[in-house]
């Protein structure tokens, strides 16, 4: 019984650390990459922009939005009597 409780607690801790700290950190990294991609502190030293960092920033933002959309989808589908399966890469809905 305690092993099951410990396993469930471990899963909750891992997901909460990834979502609770990982997503804001990824978003902050995207903001930083976007600033550096446009030239950084342009008011001070007029460095040229780095377009590759702008692409990295948009990829970070897209990943954050995808995780948020997946979370909302799981919550809404549960309320409608479905469950989301991630057996394949693409999430699928199945009746409970």
PDB file of N, CA and C in Angstrom:
ATOM      1  N   UNK A   1       0.824  -1.189   0.000  1.00  0.00           N
ATOM      2  CA  UNK A   1       0.000   0.000   0.000  1.00  0.00           C
ATOM      3  C   UNK A   1       0.869   1.255   0.000  1.00  0.00           C
ATOM      4  N   UNK A   2       1.941   1.252   0.836  1.00  0.00           N
ATOM      5  CA  UNK A   2       2.804   2.426   0.885  1.00  0.00           C
ATOM      6  C   UNK A   2       3.615   2.590  -0.393  1.00  0.00           C
ATOM      7  N   UNK A   3       3.903   1.480  -1.066  1.00  0.00           N
ATOM      8  CA  UNK A   3       4.640   1.565  -2.328  1.00  0.00           C
ATOM      9  C   UNK A   3       3.775   2.242  -3.392  1.00  0.00           C
ATOM     10  N   UNK A   4       2.498   1.914  -3.426  1.00  0.00           N
ATOM     11  CA  UNK A   4       1.579   2.542  -4.367  1.00  0.00           C
ATOM     12  C   UNK A   4       1.453   4.032  -4.087  1.00  0.00           C
ATOM     13  N   UNK A   5       1.348   4.375  -2.807  1.00  0.00           N
ATOM     14  CA  UNK A   5       1.266   5.783  -2.415  1.00  0.00           C
ATOM     15  C   UNK A   5       2.541   6.523  -2.807  1.00  0.00           C
ATOM     16  N   UNK A   6       3.688   5.928  -2.561  1.00  0.00           N
ATOM     17  CA  UNK A   6       4.960   6.553  -2.911  1.00  0.00           C
ATOM     18  C   UNK A   6       5.115   6.738  -4.412  1.00  0.00           C
ATOM     19  N   UNK A   7       4.662   5.753  -5.178  1.00  0.00           N
ATOM     20  CA  UNK A   7       4.724   5.837  -6.634  1.00  0.00           C
ATOM     21  C   UNK A   7       3.843   6.989  -7.142  1.00  0.00           C
ATOM     22  N   UNK A   8       2.615   7.067  -6.614  1.00  0.00           N
ATOM     23  CA  UNK A   8       1.705   8.132  -7.033  1.00  0.00           C
ATOM     24  C   UNK A   8       2.247   9.503  -6.620  1.00  0.00           C
ATOM     25  N   UNK A   9       2.789   9.586  -5.426  1.00  0.00           N
ATOM     26  CA  UNK A   9       3.360  10.846  -4.956  1.00  0.00           C
ATOM     27  C   UNK A   9       4.551  11.264  -5.818  1.00  0.00           C
ATOM     28  N   UNK A  10       5.372  10.305  -6.197  1.00  0.00           N
ATOM     29  CA  UNK A  10       6.503  10.599  -7.066  1.00  0.00           C
ATOM     30  C   UNK A  10       6.073  11.130  -8.423  1.00  0.00           C
ATOM     31  N   UNK A  11       5.013  10.542  -8.984  1.00  0.00           N
ATOM     32  CA  UNK A  11       4.505  11.013 -10.276  1.00  0.00           C
ATOM     33  C   UNK A  11       3.977  12.437 -10.169  1.00  0.00           C
ATOM     34  N   UNK A  12       3.263  12.723  -9.098  1.00  0.00           N
ATOM     35  CA  UNK A  12       2.725  14.071  -8.905  1.00  0.00           C
ATOM     36  C   UNK A  12       3.853  15.080  -8.742  1.00  0.00           C
ATOM     37  N   UNK A  13       4.888  14.728  -8.007  1.00  0.00           N
ATOM     38  CA  UNK A  13       6.010  15.640  -7.795  1.00  0.00           C
ATOM     39  C   UNK A  13       6.738  15.916  -9.115  1.00  0.00           C
ATOM     40  N   UNK A  14       6.970  14.885  -9.904  1.00  0.00           N
ATOM     41  CA  UNK A  14       7.686  15.069 -11.173  1.00  0.00           C
ATOM     42  C   UNK A  14       6.887  15.958 -12.122  1.00  0.00           C
ATOM     43  N   UNK A  15       5.597  15.686 -12.262  1.00  0.00           N
ATOM     44  CA  UNK A  15       4.771  16.494 -13.163  1.00  0.00           C
ATOM     45  C   UNK A  15       4.661  17.927 -12.658  1.00  0.00           C
ATOM     46  N   UNK A  16       4.500  18.109 -11.359  1.00  0.00           N
ATOM     47  CA  UNK A  16       4.365  19.472 -10.834  1.00  0.00           C
ATOM     48  C   UNK A  16       5.668  20.263 -10.997  1.00  0.00           C
ATOM     49  N   UNK A  17       6.806  19.617 -10.871  1.00  0.00           N
ATOM     50  CA  UNK A  17       8.075  20.320 -11.078  1.00  0.00           C
ATOM     51  C   UNK A  17       8.234  20.678 -12.554  1.00  0.00           C
ATOM     52  N   UNK A  18       7.903  19.748 -13.443  1.00  0.00           N
ATOM     53  CA  UNK A  18       8.032  20.027 -14.874  1.00  0.00           C
ATOM     54  C   UNK A  18       7.095  21.143 -15.319  1.00  0.00           C
ATOM     55  N   UNK A  19       5.842  21.065 -14.899  1.00  0.00           N
ATOM     56  CA  UNK A  19       4.861  22.051 -15.345  1.00  0.00           C
ATOM     57  C   UNK A  19       4.966  23.330 -14.525  1.00  0.00           C
ATOM     58  N   UNK A  20       5.153  23.202 -13.222  1.00  0.00           N
ATOM     59  CA  UNK A  20       5.173  24.373 -12.351  1.00  0.00           C
ATOM     60  C   UNK A  20       6.437  25.197 -12.451  1.00  0.00           C
ATOM     61  N   UNK A  21       7.556  24.573 -12.728  1.00  0.00           N
ATOM     62  CA  UNK A  21       8.808  25.315 -12.836  1.00  0.00           C
ATOM     63  C   UNK A  21       9.369  25.276 -14.253  1.00  0.00           C
ATOM     64  N   UNK A  22       9.142  24.185 -14.960  1.00  0.00           N
ATOM     65  CA  UNK A  22       9.709  24.027 -16.294  1.00  0.00           C
ATOM     66  C   UNK A  22       9.084  24.932 -17.343  1.00  0.00           C
ATOM     67  N   UNK A  23       7.760  25.039 -17.334  1.00  0.00           N
ATOM     68  CA  UNK A  23       7.106  25.890 -18.340  1.00  0.00           C
ATOM     69  C   UNK A  23       7.428  27.370 -18.148  1.00  0.00           C
ATOM     70  N   UNK A  24       7.372  27.904 -16.925  1.00  0.00           N
ATOM     71  CA  UNK A  24       7.792  29.306 -16.778  1.00  0.00           C
ATOM     72  C   UNK A  24       9.261  29.530 -17.147  1.00  0.00           C
ATOM     73  N   UNK A  25      10.116  28.559 -16.854  1.00  0.00           N
ATOM     74  CA  UNK A  25      11.529  28.687 -17.221  1.00  0.00           C
ATOM     75  C   UNK A  25      11.692  28.659 -18.739  1.00  0.00           C
ATOM     76  N   UNK A  26      10.945  27.797 -19.402  1.00  0.00           N
ATOM     77  CA  UNK A  26      10.997  27.739 -20.870  1.00  0.00           C
ATOM     78  C   UNK A  26      10.475  29.035 -21.485  1.00  0.00           C
ATOM     79  N   UNK A  27       9.413  29.584 -20.908  1.00  0.00           N
ATOM     80  CA  UNK A  27       8.888  30.858 -21.388  1.00  0.00           C
ATOM     81  C   UNK A  27       9.914  31.975 -21.177  1.00  0.00           C
ATOM     82  N   UNK A  28      10.566  31.998 -20.007  1.00  0.00           N
ATOM     83  CA  UNK A  28      11.585  33.020 -19.737  1.00  0.00           C
ATOM     84  C   UNK A  28      12.760  32.880 -20.704  1.00  0.00           C
ATOM     85  N   UNK A  29      13.145  31.633 -21.003  1.00  0.00           N
ATOM     86  CA  UNK A  29      14.208  31.417 -21.979  1.00  0.00           C
ATOM     87  C   UNK A  29      13.788  31.950 -23.349  1.00  0.00           C
ATOM     88  N   UNK A  30      12.514  31.748 -23.712  1.00  0.00           N
ATOM     89  CA  UNK A  30      12.018  32.271 -24.977  1.00  0.00           C
ATOM     90  C   UNK A  30      12.045  33.787 -25.027  1.00  0.00           C
ATOM     91  N   UNK A  31      11.677  34.429 -23.928  1.00  0.00           N
ATOM     92  CA  UNK A  31      11.714  35.897 -23.869  1.00  0.00           C
ATOM     93  C   UNK A  31      13.154  36.385 -24.016  1.00  0.00           C
ATOM     94  N   UNK A  32      14.071  35.713 -23.333  1.00  0.00           N
ATOM     95  CA  UNK A  32      15.484  36.099 -23.426  1.00  0.00           C
ATOM     96  C   UNK A  32      16.021  35.895 -24.843  1.00  0.00           C
ATOM     97  N   UNK A  33      15.663  34.763 -25.454  1.00  0.00           N
ATOM     98  CA  UNK A  33      16.114  34.491 -26.819  1.00  0.00           C
ATOM     99  C   UNK A  33      15.521  35.503 -27.796  1.00  0.00           C
ATOM    100  N   UNK A  34      14.280  35.911 -27.561  1.00  0.00           N
ATOM    101  CA  UNK A  34      13.658  36.906 -28.434  1.00  0.00           C
ATOM    102  C   UNK A  34      14.364  38.260 -28.301  1.00  0.00           C
ATOM    103  N   UNK A  35      14.743  38.607 -27.086  1.00  0.00           N
ATOM    104  CA  UNK A  35      15.466  39.868 -26.878  1.00  0.00           C
ATOM    105  C   UNK A  35      16.833  39.828 -27.550  1.00  0.00           C
ATOM    106  N   UNK A  36      17.548  38.724 -27.388  1.00  0.00           N
ATOM    107  CA  UNK A  36      18.859  38.620 -28.028  1.00  0.00           C
ATOM    108  C   UNK A  36      18.739  38.497 -29.545  1.00  0.00           C
ATOM    109  N   UNK A  37      17.668  37.869 -30.003  1.00  0.00           N
ATOM    110  CA  UNK A  37      17.472  37.722 -31.438  1.00  0.00           C
ATOM    111  C   UNK A  37      17.210  39.036 -32.139  1.00  0.00           C
ATOM    112  N   UNK A  38      16.640  39.992 -31.414  1.00  0.00           N
ATOM    113  CA  UNK A  38      16.366  41.289 -32.032  1.00  0.00           C
ATOM    114  C   UNK A  38      17.493  42.282 -31.817  1.00  0.00           C
ATOM    115  N   UNK A  39      18.560  41.863 -31.167  1.00  0.00           N
ATOM    116  CA  UNK A  39      19.706  42.743 -30.996  1.00  0.00           C
ATOM    117  C   UNK A  39      20.050  43.013 -29.550  1.00  0.00           C
ATOM    118  N   UNK A  40      19.346  42.404 -28.637  1.00  0.00           N
ATOM    119  CA  UNK A  40      19.676  42.574 -27.222  1.00  0.00           C
ATOM    120  C   UNK A  40      19.373  43.962 -26.720  1.00  0.00           C
ATOM    121  N   UNK A  41      20.312  44.559 -26.067  1.00  0.00           N
ATOM    122  CA  UNK A  41      20.149  45.897 -25.513  1.00  0.00           C
ATOM    123  C   UNK A  41      20.397  46.913 -26.627  1.00  0.00           C
ATOM    124  N   UNK A  42      19.442  47.059 -27.525  1.00  0.00           N
ATOM    125  CA  UNK A  42      19.612  47.880 -28.711  1.00  0.00           C
ATOM    126  C   UNK A  42      19.798  49.355 -28.373  1.00  0.00           C
ATOM    127  N   UNK A  43      19.271  49.789 -27.223  1.00  0.00           N
ATOM    128  CA  UNK A  43      19.400  51.201 -26.869  1.00  0.00           C
ATOM    129  C   UNK A  43      20.836  51.556 -26.498  1.00  0.00           C
ATOM    130  N   UNK A  44      21.622  50.574 -26.084  1.00  0.00           N
ATOM    131  CA  UNK A  44      22.951  50.863 -25.557  1.00  0.00           C
ATOM    132  C   UNK A  44      24.041  50.665 -26.601  1.00  0.00           C
ATOM    133  N   UNK A  45      24.111  49.475 -27.218  1.00  0.00           N
ATOM    134  CA  UNK A  45      25.283  49.203 -28.047  1.00  0.00           C
ATOM    135  C   UNK A  45      24.962  48.824 -29.496  1.00  0.00           C
ATOM    136  N   UNK A  46      23.755  48.818 -29.906  1.00  0.00           N
ATOM    137  CA  UNK A  46      23.343  48.587 -31.301  1.00  0.00           C
ATOM    138  C   UNK A  46      23.976  47.358 -31.923  1.00  0.00           C
ATOM    139  N   UNK A  47      23.921  46.228 -31.219  1.00  0.00           N
ATOM    140  CA  UNK A  47      24.425  44.977 -31.790  1.00  0.00           C
ATOM    141  C   UNK A  47      23.457  44.472 -32.860  1.00  0.00           C
ATOM    142  N   UNK A  48      23.982  43.748 -33.847  1.00  0.00           N
ATOM    143  CA  UNK A  48      23.083  43.188 -34.858  1.00  0.00           C
ATOM    144  C   UNK A  48      22.243  42.053 -34.270  1.00  0.00           C
ATOM    145  N   UNK A  49      21.067  41.865 -34.827  1.00  0.00           N
ATOM    146  CA  UNK A  49      20.187  40.805 -34.359  1.00  0.00           C
ATOM    147  C   UNK A  49      20.656  39.433 -34.809  1.00  0.00           C
ATOM    148  N   UNK A  50      20.151  38.415 -34.145  1.00  0.00           N
ATOM    149  CA  UNK A  50      20.466  37.031 -34.501  1.00  0.00           C
ATOM    150  C   UNK A  50      19.153  36.318 -34.804  1.00  0.00           C
ATOM    151  N   UNK A  51      18.820  36.147 -36.075  1.00  0.00           N
ATOM    152  CA  UNK A  51      17.528  35.562 -36.458  1.00  0.00           C
ATOM    153  C   UNK A  51      17.338  34.137 -35.939  1.00  0.00           C
ATOM    154  N   UNK A  52      18.405  33.386 -35.754  1.00  0.00           N
ATOM    155  CA  UNK A  52      18.267  32.013 -35.263  1.00  0.00           C
ATOM    156  C   UNK A  52      17.688  32.001 -33.849  1.00  0.00           C
ATOM    157  N   UNK A  53      18.061  32.972 -33.027  1.00  0.00           N
ATOM    158  CA  UNK A  53      17.516  33.039 -31.673  1.00  0.00           C
ATOM    159  C   UNK A  53      16.050  33.442 -31.676  1.00  0.00           C
ATOM    160  N   UNK A  54      15.640  34.216 -32.669  1.00  0.00           N
ATOM    161  CA  UNK A  54      14.219  34.547 -32.790  1.00  0.00           C
ATOM    162  C   UNK A  54      13.422  33.291 -33.104  1.00  0.00           C
ATOM    163  N   UNK A  55      13.945  32.426 -33.949  1.00  0.00           N
ATOM    164  CA  UNK A  55      13.274  31.159 -34.267  1.00  0.00           C
ATOM    165  C   UNK A  55      13.209  30.275 -33.022  1.00  0.00           C
ATOM    166  N   UNK A  56      14.299  30.225 -32.256  1.00  0.00           N
ATOM    167  CA  UNK A  56      14.315  29.443 -31.014  1.00  0.00           C
ATOM    168  C   UNK A  56      13.268  29.978 -30.044  1.00  0.00           C
ATOM    169  N   UNK A  57      13.139  31.296 -29.960  1.00  0.00           N
ATOM    170  CA  UNK A  57      12.151  31.902 -29.071  1.00  0.00           C
ATOM    171  C   UNK A  57      10.739  31.495 -29.473  1.00  0.00           C
ATOM    172  N   UNK A  58      10.435  31.549 -30.753  1.00  0.00           N
ATOM    173  CA  UNK A  58       9.090  31.170 -31.202  1.00  0.00           C
ATOM    174  C   UNK A  58       8.828  29.681 -30.987  1.00  0.00           C
ATOM    175  N   UNK A  59       9.855  28.849 -31.101  1.00  0.00           N
ATOM    176  CA  UNK A  59       9.690  27.423 -30.806  1.00  0.00           C
ATOM    177  C   UNK A  59       9.394  27.201 -29.321  1.00  0.00           C
ATOM    178  N   UNK A  60      10.053  27.948 -28.460  1.00  0.00           N
ATOM    179  CA  UNK A  60       9.773  27.859 -27.015  1.00  0.00           C
ATOM    180  C   UNK A  60       8.340  28.276 -26.722  1.00  0.00           C
ATOM    181  N   UNK A  61       7.891  29.367 -27.313  1.00  0.00           N
ATOM    182  CA  UNK A  61       6.522  29.826 -27.093  1.00  0.00           C
ATOM    183  C   UNK A  61       5.513  28.814 -27.627  1.00  0.00           C
ATOM    184  N   UNK A  62       5.801  28.213 -28.775  1.00  0.00           N
ATOM    185  CA  UNK A  62       4.903  27.212 -29.342  1.00  0.00           C
ATOM    186  C   UNK A  62       4.814  25.980 -28.447  1.00  0.00           C
ATOM    187  N   UNK A  63       5.925  25.567 -27.874  1.00  0.00           N
ATOM    188  CA  UNK A  63       5.914  24.409 -26.974  1.00  0.00           C
ATOM    189  C   UNK A  63       5.119  24.704 -25.709  1.00  0.00           C
ATOM    190  N   UNK A  64       5.288  25.892 -25.153  1.00  0.00           N
ATOM    191  CA  UNK A  64       4.516  26.276 -23.963  1.00  0.00           C
ATOM    192  C   UNK A  64       3.030  26.284 -24.285  1.00  0.00           C
ATOM    193  N   UNK A  65       2.642  26.851 -25.415  1.00  0.00           N
ATOM    194  CA  UNK A  65       1.227  26.873 -25.800  1.00  0.00           C
ATOM    195  C   UNK A  65       0.687  25.472 -26.049  1.00  0.00           C
ATOM    196  N   UNK A  66       1.495  24.594 -26.624  1.00  0.00           N
ATOM    197  CA  UNK A  66       1.050  23.216 -26.873  1.00  0.00           C
ATOM    198  C   UNK A  66       0.794  22.472 -25.560  1.00  0.00           C
ATOM    199  N   UNK A  67       1.651  22.673 -24.577  1.00  0.00           N
ATOM    200  CA  UNK A  67       1.454  22.006 -23.280  1.00  0.00           C
ATOM    201  C   UNK A  67       0.214  22.555 -22.584  1.00  0.00           C
ATOM    202  N   UNK A  68      -0.006  23.850 -22.663  1.00  0.00           N
ATOM    203  CA  UNK A  68      -1.207  24.448 -22.072  1.00  0.00           C
ATOM    204  C   UNK A  68      -2.452  23.925 -22.765  1.00  0.00           C
ATOM    205  N   UNK A  69      -2.426  23.852 -24.090  1.00  0.00           N
ATOM    206  CA  UNK A  69      -3.579  23.336 -24.837  1.00  0.00           C
ATOM    207  C   UNK A  69      -3.841  21.869 -24.504  1.00  0.00           C
ATOM    208  N   UNK A  70      -2.799  21.080 -24.344  1.00  0.00           N
ATOM    209  CA  UNK A  70      -2.972  19.674 -23.980  1.00  0.00           C
ATOM    210  C   UNK A  70      -3.591  19.548 -22.596  1.00  0.00           C
ATOM    211  N   UNK A  71      -3.163  20.376 -21.653  1.00  0.00           N
ATOM    212  CA  UNK A  71      -3.733  20.347 -20.312  1.00  0.00           C
ATOM    213  C   UNK A  71      -5.202  20.719 -20.299  1.00  0.00           C
ATOM    214  N   UNK A  72      -5.560  21.767 -21.029  1.00  0.00           N
ATOM    215  CA  UNK A  72      -6.962  22.164 -21.113  1.00  0.00           C
ATOM    216  C   UNK A  72      -7.783  21.081 -21.789  1.00  0.00           C
ATOM    217  N   UNK A  73      -7.230  20.464 -22.820  1.00  0.00           N
ATOM    218  CA  UNK A  73      -7.927  19.385 -23.519  1.00  0.00           C
ATOM    219  C   UNK A  73      -8.195  18.210 -22.593  1.00  0.00           C
ATOM    220  N   UNK A  74      -7.235  17.833 -21.783  1.00  0.00           N
ATOM    221  CA  UNK A  74      -7.417  16.713 -20.860  1.00  0.00           C
ATOM    222  C   UNK A  74      -8.500  17.035 -19.838  1.00  0.00           C
ATOM    223  N   UNK A  75      -8.504  18.246 -19.310  1.00  0.00           N
ATOM    224  CA  UNK A  75      -9.499  18.635 -18.316  1.00  0.00           C
ATOM    225  C   UNK A  75     -10.901  18.658 -18.920  1.00  0.00           C
ATOM    226  N   UNK A  76     -11.046  19.269 -20.091  1.00  0.00           N
ATOM    227  CA  UNK A  76     -12.361  19.369 -20.723  1.00  0.00           C
ATOM    228  C   UNK A  76     -12.865  18.002 -21.163  1.00  0.00           C
ATOM    229  N   UNK A  77     -12.004  17.178 -21.732  1.00  0.00           N
ATOM    230  CA  UNK A  77     -12.450  15.863 -22.195  1.00  0.00           C
ATOM    231  C   UNK A  77     -12.867  14.981 -21.022  1.00  0.00           C
ATOM    232  N   UNK A  78     -12.226  15.138 -19.890  1.00  0.00           N
ATOM    233  CA  UNK A  78     -12.612  14.373 -18.704  1.00  0.00           C
ATOM    234  C   UNK A  78     -14.013  14.760 -18.253  1.00  0.00           C
ATOM    235  N   UNK A  79     -14.335  16.025 -18.320  1.00  0.00           N
ATOM    236  CA  UNK A  79     -15.667  16.492 -17.946  1.00  0.00           C
ATOM    237  C   UNK A  79     -16.739  16.041 -18.915  1.00  0.00           C
ATOM    238  N   UNK A  80     -16.369  15.770 -20.153  1.00  0.00           N
ATOM    239  CA  UNK A  80     -17.340  15.339 -21.159  1.00  0.00           C
ATOM    240  C   UNK A  80     -17.449  13.825 -21.265  1.00  0.00           C
ATOM    241  N   UNK A  81     -16.765  13.095 -20.406  1.00  0.00           N
ATOM    242  CA  UNK A  81     -16.863  11.643 -20.401  1.00  0.00           C
ATOM    243  C   UNK A  81     -15.865  10.938 -21.303  1.00  0.00           C
ATOM    244  N   UNK A  82     -14.794  11.590 -21.675  1.00  0.00           N
ATOM    245  CA  UNK A  82     -13.749  10.993 -22.508  1.00  0.00           C
ATOM    246  C   UNK A  82     -12.449  10.949 -21.718  1.00  0.00           C
ATOM    247  N   UNK A  83     -11.512  10.171 -22.194  1.00  0.00           N
ATOM    248  CA  UNK A  83     -10.160  10.244 -21.669  1.00  0.00           C
ATOM    249  C   UNK A  83      -9.203  10.359 -22.848  1.00  0.00           C
ATOM    250  N   UNK A  84      -8.090  11.001 -22.607  1.00  0.00           N
ATOM    251  CA  UNK A  84      -7.101  11.247 -23.651  1.00  0.00           C
ATOM    252  C   UNK A  84      -6.009  10.196 -23.523  1.00  0.00           C
ATOM    253  N   UNK A  85      -5.704   9.536 -24.635  1.00  0.00           N
ATOM    254  CA  UNK A  85      -4.667   8.525 -24.659  1.00  0.00           C
ATOM    255  C   UNK A  85      -3.484   9.046 -25.463  1.00  0.00           C
ATOM    256  N   UNK A  86      -2.298   8.934 -24.880  1.00  0.00           N
ATOM    257  CA  UNK A  86      -1.072   9.345 -25.558  1.00  0.00           C
ATOM    258  C   UNK A  86      -0.273   8.128 -25.998  1.00  0.00           C
ATOM    259  N   UNK A  87      -0.956   7.046 -26.373  1.00  0.00           N
ATOM    260  CA  UNK A  87      -0.260   5.847 -26.819  1.00  0.00           C
ATOM    261  C   UNK A  87       0.542   6.116 -28.087  1.00  0.00           C
ATOM    262  N   UNK A  88      -0.020   6.883 -28.987  1.00  0.00           N
ATOM    263  CA  UNK A  88       0.696   7.313 -30.193  1.00  0.00           C
ATOM    264  C   UNK A  88       1.241   8.708 -29.931  1.00  0.00           C
ATOM    265  N   UNK A  89       1.883   9.269 -30.889  1.00  0.00           N
ATOM    266  CA  UNK A  89       2.394  10.632 -30.729  1.00  0.00           C
ATOM    267  C   UNK A  89       1.239  11.620 -30.676  1.00  0.00           C
ATOM    268  N   UNK A  90       0.218  11.367 -31.486  1.00  0.00           N
ATOM    269  CA  UNK A  90      -0.945  12.242 -31.532  1.00  0.00           C
ATOM    270  C   UNK A  90      -1.943  11.793 -30.467  1.00  0.00           C
ATOM    271  N   UNK A  91      -2.397  12.699 -29.595  1.00  0.00           N
ATOM    272  CA  UNK A  91      -3.381  12.314 -28.576  1.00  0.00           C
ATOM    273  C   UNK A  91      -4.702  11.908 -29.214  1.00  0.00           C
ATOM    274  N   UNK A  92      -5.317  10.864 -28.674  1.00  0.00           N
ATOM    275  CA  UNK A  92      -6.607  10.401 -29.175  1.00  0.00           C
ATOM    276  C   UNK A  92      -7.604  10.393 -28.035  1.00  0.00           C
ATOM    277  N   UNK A  93      -8.883  10.575 -28.373  1.00  0.00           N
ATOM    278  CA  UNK A  93      -9.958  10.597 -27.395  1.00  0.00           C
ATOM    279  C   UNK A  93     -10.691   9.278 -27.446  1.00  0.00           C
ATOM    280  N   UNK A  94     -11.051   8.752 -26.272  1.00  0.00           N
ATOM    281  CA  UNK A  94     -11.828   7.527 -26.195  1.00  0.00           C
ATOM    282  C   UNK A  94     -12.875   7.701 -25.123  1.00  0.00           C
ATOM    283  N   UNK A  95     -14.022   7.085 -25.337  1.00  0.00           N
ATOM    284  CA  UNK A  95     -15.098   7.134 -24.355  1.00  0.00           C
ATOM    285  C   UNK A  95     -14.659   6.390 -23.104  1.00  0.00           C
ATOM    286  N   UNK A  96     -15.024   6.901 -21.934  1.00  0.00           N
ATOM    287  CA  UNK A  96     -14.667   6.233 -20.670  1.00  0.00           C
ATOM    288  C   UNK A  96     -15.429   4.950 -20.494  1.00  0.00           C
TER     289      UNK A  96
END
